[in-house]
Protein backbone atom coordinates (compact mmCIF):
# COMPACT_ATOMS: atom_id res chain seq x y z
CA MET A 1 0.17 0.24 -0.14
CA ASN A 2 2.62 2.40 1.00
CA GLU A 3 5.04 1.45 -1.83
CA THR A 4 2.55 2.34 -4.39
CA ALA A 5 1.26 5.65 -2.62
CA ALA A 6 4.65 7.14 -2.72
CA PRO A 7 4.94 7.13 -6.63
CA LEU A 8 1.71 8.38 -6.76
CA ALA A 9 2.59 11.19 -4.47
CA ARG A 10 5.57 11.92 -6.36
CA SER A 11 3.70 12.12 -9.68
CA ASN A 12 1.84 14.93 -8.15
CA LEU A 13 5.01 17.27 -7.86
CA PRO A 14 6.79 18.98 -10.81
CA ALA A 15 10.00 17.42 -12.00
CA PRO A 16 13.08 19.84 -11.73
CA LYS A 17 13.67 19.34 -15.48
CA ALA A 18 9.95 20.56 -16.18
CA VAL A 19 10.17 23.70 -14.05
CA LEU A 20 13.73 24.52 -16.08
CA GLU A 21 11.50 24.31 -19.38
CA LEU A 22 8.93 26.19 -17.81
CA PHE A 23 11.26 28.96 -17.12
CA LYS A 24 12.85 28.97 -20.61
CA PRO A 25 16.47 30.03 -20.15
CA ILE A 26 16.91 30.59 -23.91
CA THR A 27 15.00 34.04 -22.89
CA TRP A 28 17.04 35.13 -20.14
CA PHE A 29 19.71 36.37 -22.78
CA ALA A 30 17.89 39.49 -23.59
CA PRO A 31 17.55 41.17 -20.27
CA MET A 32 20.86 39.56 -19.15
CA TRP A 33 22.60 41.73 -22.28
CA ALA A 34 20.86 44.86 -21.54
CA PHE A 35 21.57 44.63 -17.61
CA MET A 36 25.19 44.31 -18.68
CA CYS A 37 24.79 47.08 -20.96
CA GLY A 38 23.47 48.83 -17.71
CA VAL A 39 26.73 47.96 -15.78
CA VAL A 40 29.26 48.95 -18.40
CA SER A 41 27.28 52.50 -18.76
CA SER A 42 28.03 53.23 -15.36
CA GLY A 43 31.75 53.59 -15.55
CA ALA A 44 32.27 51.78 -12.58
CA PRO A 45 35.28 49.65 -12.31
CA PHE A 46 33.92 46.06 -12.72
CA SER A 47 36.90 44.80 -10.79
CA GLU A 48 35.40 46.34 -7.85
CA LYS A 49 31.37 45.67 -8.49
CA TRP A 50 31.65 42.07 -9.73
CA THR A 51 29.76 40.56 -6.91
CA LEU A 52 27.02 43.00 -7.29
CA ALA A 53 26.92 42.81 -11.07
CA LEU A 54 26.94 38.69 -10.93
CA ALA A 55 23.98 38.74 -8.49
CA GLY A 56 21.90 41.62 -10.66
CA ALA A 57 22.52 39.21 -13.54
CA ILE A 58 20.76 36.56 -11.87
CA LEU A 59 18.04 38.88 -10.94
CA ALA A 60 17.25 39.74 -14.09
CA GLY A 61 17.83 36.55 -15.93
CA PRO A 62 16.93 33.34 -13.72
CA MET A 63 14.76 35.06 -11.35
CA ILE A 64 12.66 37.98 -12.93
CA CYS A 65 12.65 36.97 -16.46
CA ALA A 66 12.15 33.25 -15.37
CA THR A 67 9.23 34.33 -13.45
CA SER A 68 7.51 36.13 -16.30
CA GLN A 69 7.99 32.86 -18.17
CA ALA A 70 6.10 31.22 -15.78
CA VAL A 71 3.32 33.59 -15.20
CA ASN A 72 3.18 33.68 -19.21
CA ASP A 73 2.60 30.11 -19.44
CA TRP A 74 0.21 29.40 -16.62
CA PHE A 75 -2.26 32.10 -18.17
CA ASP A 76 -1.52 30.64 -21.66
CA ARG A 77 -2.12 27.24 -20.79
CA HIS A 78 -5.50 26.68 -22.89
CA VAL A 79 -3.80 28.41 -25.85
CA ASP A 80 -0.87 25.81 -25.31
CA ALA A 81 -3.05 22.66 -25.22
CA ILE A 82 -3.78 23.53 -28.94
CA ASN A 83 -0.97 25.08 -30.02
CA GLU A 84 1.91 23.30 -28.09
CA PRO A 85 0.41 20.32 -26.20
CA ASN A 86 4.19 19.28 -25.24
CA ARG A 87 4.84 22.26 -23.34
CA PRO A 88 5.30 21.68 -19.54
CA ILE A 89 1.76 22.84 -17.86
CA PRO A 90 -0.40 21.16 -20.68
CA SER A 91 1.51 17.98 -21.14
CA GLY A 92 0.64 17.28 -17.48
CA ARG A 93 4.42 17.39 -16.56
CA ILE A 94 3.68 20.49 -14.29
CA PRO A 95 0.51 18.97 -12.78
CA GLY A 96 -2.67 20.93 -11.23
CA ARG A 97 -2.02 24.36 -10.13
CA TRP A 98 1.72 23.92 -9.63
CA GLY A 99 2.25 26.35 -12.94
CA LEU A 100 0.70 29.31 -10.86
CA TRP A 101 2.37 28.23 -7.63
CA ILE A 102 5.76 28.19 -9.34
CA ALA A 103 5.15 31.78 -10.58
CA VAL A 104 3.91 33.08 -7.17
CA ILE A 105 6.95 31.62 -5.37
CA TRP A 106 9.38 32.76 -7.86
CA THR A 107 7.90 36.30 -7.79
CA VAL A 108 8.19 36.35 -3.89
CA VAL A 109 11.70 35.16 -3.87
CA SER A 110 13.08 37.32 -6.67
CA LEU A 111 11.60 40.56 -4.79
CA ILE A 112 13.34 39.16 -1.61
CA PHE A 113 16.70 38.85 -3.77
CA ALA A 114 16.11 42.34 -5.47
CA SER A 115 15.56 43.87 -1.97
CA THR A 116 19.00 43.00 -0.93
CA LEU A 117 20.46 45.05 -3.87
CA GLY A 118 19.48 48.17 -3.36
CA VAL A 119 16.48 50.65 -2.95
CA TRP A 120 16.58 51.45 -6.85
CA VAL A 121 17.40 47.82 -7.88
CA LEU A 122 13.85 46.81 -5.79
CA VAL A 123 11.79 49.40 -7.40
CA ALA A 124 12.91 48.05 -10.89
CA ALA A 125 12.35 44.57 -9.80
CA THR A 126 8.83 45.43 -8.75
CA LEU A 127 7.75 47.23 -11.72
CA GLY A 128 9.28 44.51 -13.97
CA ILE A 129 7.15 41.63 -12.03
CA VAL A 130 4.02 44.09 -11.98
CA LEU A 131 4.78 43.94 -15.69
CA ALA A 132 5.06 40.60 -16.39
CA TRP A 133 1.78 39.65 -14.47
CA ILE A 134 -0.37 42.24 -16.08
CA TYR A 135 0.99 41.34 -19.46
CA SER A 136 -0.02 37.92 -19.26
CA ALA A 137 -2.89 37.68 -16.56
CA PRO A 138 -6.40 38.99 -16.88
CA PRO A 139 -8.18 41.52 -16.80
CA LEU A 140 -5.33 43.65 -18.62
CA ARG A 141 -3.73 40.88 -20.40
CA LEU A 142 -1.42 43.60 -22.26
CA LYS A 143 -0.30 40.73 -24.60
CA GLN A 144 -3.57 41.04 -26.56
CA SER A 145 -2.64 44.49 -27.74
CA GLY A 146 -0.21 45.03 -30.52
CA TRP A 147 0.61 48.38 -28.85
CA TRP A 148 0.92 47.73 -25.02
CA GLY A 149 2.32 44.05 -25.33
CA PRO A 150 5.13 44.81 -27.04
CA ALA A 151 5.67 48.15 -25.29
CA SER A 152 5.64 46.31 -22.03
CA VAL A 153 8.05 43.78 -23.01
CA GLY A 154 10.59 46.05 -24.51
CA PHE A 155 10.43 48.27 -21.46
CA SER A 156 10.97 45.34 -19.24
CA TYR A 157 13.69 43.27 -21.18
CA GLU A 158 15.62 46.45 -22.28
CA GLY A 159 14.87 49.55 -20.23
CA LEU A 160 14.23 48.22 -16.66
CA THR A 161 17.18 45.89 -16.82
CA TRP A 162 19.50 48.33 -18.04
CA PHE A 163 18.60 50.66 -15.41
CA THR A 164 19.11 47.90 -13.01
CA GLY A 165 22.54 47.11 -14.27
CA ALA A 166 23.61 50.79 -13.59
CA ALA A 167 21.88 51.11 -10.61
CA VAL A 168 23.03 47.80 -8.93
CA VAL A 169 26.75 48.97 -9.18
CA SER A 170 26.40 52.65 -8.47
CA GLN A 171 23.55 51.96 -5.63
CA ALA A 172 22.07 55.16 -6.68
CA LEU A 173 19.95 56.67 -9.26
CA PRO A 174 21.63 56.46 -12.82
CA ASP A 175 22.91 59.38 -14.48
CA PRO A 176 20.38 60.95 -16.98
CA LYS A 177 22.69 60.14 -19.89
CA ILE A 178 21.92 56.02 -18.98
CA LEU A 179 18.56 56.58 -18.54
CA LEU A 180 17.98 58.07 -22.10
CA LEU A 181 19.67 55.25 -23.66
CA ALA A 182 17.83 52.69 -21.79
CA GLY A 183 14.72 54.57 -22.70
CA LEU A 184 15.39 54.85 -26.45
CA TYR A 185 16.62 51.09 -26.77
CA ALA A 186 13.41 50.02 -25.10
CA ALA A 187 11.50 52.12 -27.44
CA GLY A 188 13.30 50.60 -30.46
CA ALA A 189 12.60 46.96 -29.04
CA HIS A 190 9.22 47.55 -29.81
CA GLY A 191 9.68 46.73 -33.29
CA ILE A 192 11.88 43.62 -32.40
CA MET A 193 8.67 42.27 -30.29
CA THR A 194 6.53 43.19 -33.43
CA LEU A 195 8.87 40.96 -35.62
CA ASN A 196 8.08 38.11 -32.95
CA ASP A 197 4.53 38.50 -33.48
CA PHE A 198 4.91 37.36 -37.07
CA LYS A 199 5.40 33.21 -36.44
CA ALA A 200 1.76 33.49 -34.86
CA VAL A 201 -0.20 35.90 -36.91
CA GLU A 202 -3.07 33.11 -38.02
CA GLY A 203 -3.04 31.93 -34.42
CA ASP A 204 -3.66 35.40 -33.00
CA ARG A 205 -6.30 36.11 -35.60
CA GLN A 206 -8.33 32.90 -34.83
CA LEU A 207 -8.00 33.60 -31.00
CA GLY A 208 -8.95 37.22 -31.41
CA LEU A 209 -5.15 38.83 -30.43
CA ARG A 210 -4.73 42.27 -31.80
CA SER A 211 -0.80 42.06 -32.52
CA LEU A 212 0.23 44.66 -35.29
CA PRO A 213 0.62 42.10 -37.94
CA VAL A 214 -3.07 41.19 -37.53
CA VAL A 215 -4.49 44.83 -36.79
CA MET A 216 -2.03 46.60 -39.86
CA GLY A 217 -1.54 43.61 -42.06
CA VAL A 218 2.11 41.85 -42.21
CA ASP A 219 3.59 44.08 -44.77
CA ARG A 220 2.79 47.43 -43.11
CA ALA A 221 3.47 45.96 -39.53
CA ALA A 222 7.06 45.08 -40.77
CA ARG A 223 7.86 48.54 -42.12
CA PHE A 224 6.52 49.82 -38.78
CA ALA A 225 8.67 47.71 -37.15
CA CYS A 226 11.76 48.57 -39.01
CA LEU A 227 10.97 52.34 -38.44
CA PHE A 228 10.76 51.77 -34.81
CA MET A 229 13.77 49.91 -34.40
CA ALA A 230 15.91 52.54 -36.64
CA VAL A 231 14.62 56.11 -35.27
CA PRO A 232 15.50 55.29 -31.83
CA GLN A 233 19.20 54.38 -33.02
CA VAL A 234 19.28 57.73 -35.01
CA VAL A 235 18.69 59.75 -31.68
CA VAL A 236 21.35 57.53 -29.84
CA ILE A 237 23.95 58.49 -32.45
CA CYS A 238 22.79 62.28 -32.48
CA LEU A 239 23.14 62.03 -28.42
CA LEU A 240 26.77 60.14 -28.42
CA VAL A 241 27.99 63.04 -31.05
CA ASN A 242 26.69 65.78 -28.79
CA TRP A 243 28.45 63.94 -25.76
CA GLY A 244 31.67 64.21 -27.65
CA LEU A 245 31.76 60.35 -28.39
CA LEU A 246 32.26 60.55 -31.70
CA LEU A 247 33.99 57.07 -32.18
CA TYR A 248 31.32 55.28 -30.52
CA ALA A 249 28.74 57.49 -32.42
CA GLY A 250 30.50 55.83 -35.55
CA GLY A 251 30.09 52.27 -34.21
CA VAL A 252 26.31 52.68 -33.88
CA LEU A 253 26.06 54.27 -37.31
CA ILE A 254 27.62 51.23 -38.80
CA ALA A 255 25.62 48.55 -37.13
CA LEU A 256 22.30 50.72 -38.14
CA ILE A 257 23.27 51.15 -41.75
CA ALA A 258 23.97 47.48 -41.68
CA GLN A 259 20.64 46.73 -40.24
CA VAL A 260 18.82 48.89 -42.82
CA ALA A 261 20.52 46.86 -45.45
CA LEU A 262 19.43 43.63 -43.89
CA MET A 263 15.63 45.18 -43.49
CA ARG A 264 15.18 45.48 -47.62
CA ARG A 265 15.65 41.85 -47.54
CA LEU A 266 13.10 41.45 -44.44
CA LEU A 267 10.64 43.66 -45.85
CA SER A 268 10.54 41.82 -49.19
CA ASP A 269 9.12 39.09 -47.33
CA PRO A 270 8.43 39.50 -43.79
CA LEU A 271 6.70 36.21 -43.02
CA LYS A 272 9.44 34.38 -44.58
CA HIS A 273 12.67 36.44 -43.62
CA THR A 274 11.90 37.38 -39.94
CA PRO A 275 13.70 34.73 -38.55
CA TRP A 276 16.89 35.27 -40.50
CA TYR A 277 16.50 38.94 -39.64
CA ASN A 278 16.05 37.98 -35.86
CA ALA A 279 19.41 36.31 -36.00
CA THR A 280 21.38 39.19 -37.88
CA GLY A 281 19.58 42.49 -37.49
CA THR A 282 18.28 42.09 -34.01
CA SER A 283 22.15 40.95 -33.10
CA LEU A 284 23.26 44.08 -34.67
CA TYR A 285 20.77 46.23 -32.60
CA VAL A 286 22.13 44.37 -29.20
CA LEU A 287 25.67 45.08 -30.46
CA GLY A 288 24.64 48.81 -31.08
CA MET A 289 23.72 49.00 -27.14
CA LEU A 290 26.83 47.53 -26.06
CA VAL A 291 29.11 50.11 -27.93
CA SER A 292 26.54 52.72 -26.89
CA ALA A 293 26.97 51.93 -23.13
CA ILE A 294 30.75 51.61 -23.26
CA GLY A 295 30.80 54.78 -24.51
CA VAL A 296 28.83 56.51 -21.65
CA GLY A 297 30.70 54.09 -19.46
CA SER A 298 34.00 55.95 -20.57
CA LEU A 299 32.65 59.27 -20.52
CA LEU A 300 30.91 58.65 -16.89
CA GLY A 301 33.96 56.91 -15.52
CA GLY A 302 36.32 59.39 -16.78
CA HIS A 303 38.47 57.44 -19.24
CA PRO A 304 37.31 58.28 -22.67
C-alpha cells in the first residue's frame, strides 16, 4: 500500500527538468545583455563591483525573466494545449495548479532577492514583476494588444534591466545619460517584439489577439517595426555625437546602416525572412546597445 502510494505522491510534484523548461532559459539572454549594458554604462570599475553585477544578472535572467515565463505559460495554458501540447503545463509534467504556485513563489523570491541589492534595484524589480503579471494575466492581459504588449516587454527586457545594471553597481539613481539610452533602446525593442508576432499571425487572428501584424497586415507591420527600431538608434547616434563620443557614435551608425541593408530583404517577404532578420539585424541592434553603453561608461568613468 505504502509502496504504491509513494510514486503516486511524487507524480503530483513537478520534476526539476520540467520547471527549468517552464522558465525558458533561452529567453534570459535579452535581459541579461541589457543588464550588462547597464553595468558597463555606469562607468563603475567592474573589478570592484563584480559580485553585485553577478547578483544583478541572476536577478534579471534566472529570477525575474524566469518568473515572467512561468506567469505567461500559466495564463496561456489553454492556448498551449492546442498549439503546443508538449509544453510543461498542458502536457501534465507540471500538474494541477503547480504552474501558478511556481509563478507566485518565484515572484516572492525574486523580490526578496532584489531587496538585498538596493532600493533602486527593488523599485525596478517590482515594476518588472508587475508588468510580467499584467502582460499575461486578466483582466488587463496586455499581450492582447499589439501596442501595449510589445511596449511592456521592450520596457521590461531592455529599459528596466539596463536601469538595474547601472543602479546595482552605483547603488544610486543612474545618470540621466544612462536613462536616455535605456529608454531609447527600450522604445526600439517595440519593433523587435512586433517582428516576434509574425510567427503566430494566423493563430493570433483566430484567437482574437490584436497583434500589429493582425491589425495592420504583415507588410505594414514589418515597415512599422523597422521604423520603430531605426529611429531610436538615430537619436542615440545624435546624443553620442553631442556628448563628444564620436568613435562610439560611428560604431552605432555602422551597425544601423547594416541593419537598414538587411531590412530591405526582410521587407521583401516578412513572414519568410523574420527568423533570418532576428538572427542578423537584431544581433546588430543589441551590439549597438553595447557600443553606446561602453561610450557612456567611458565618459562617466572619466576614461574616454
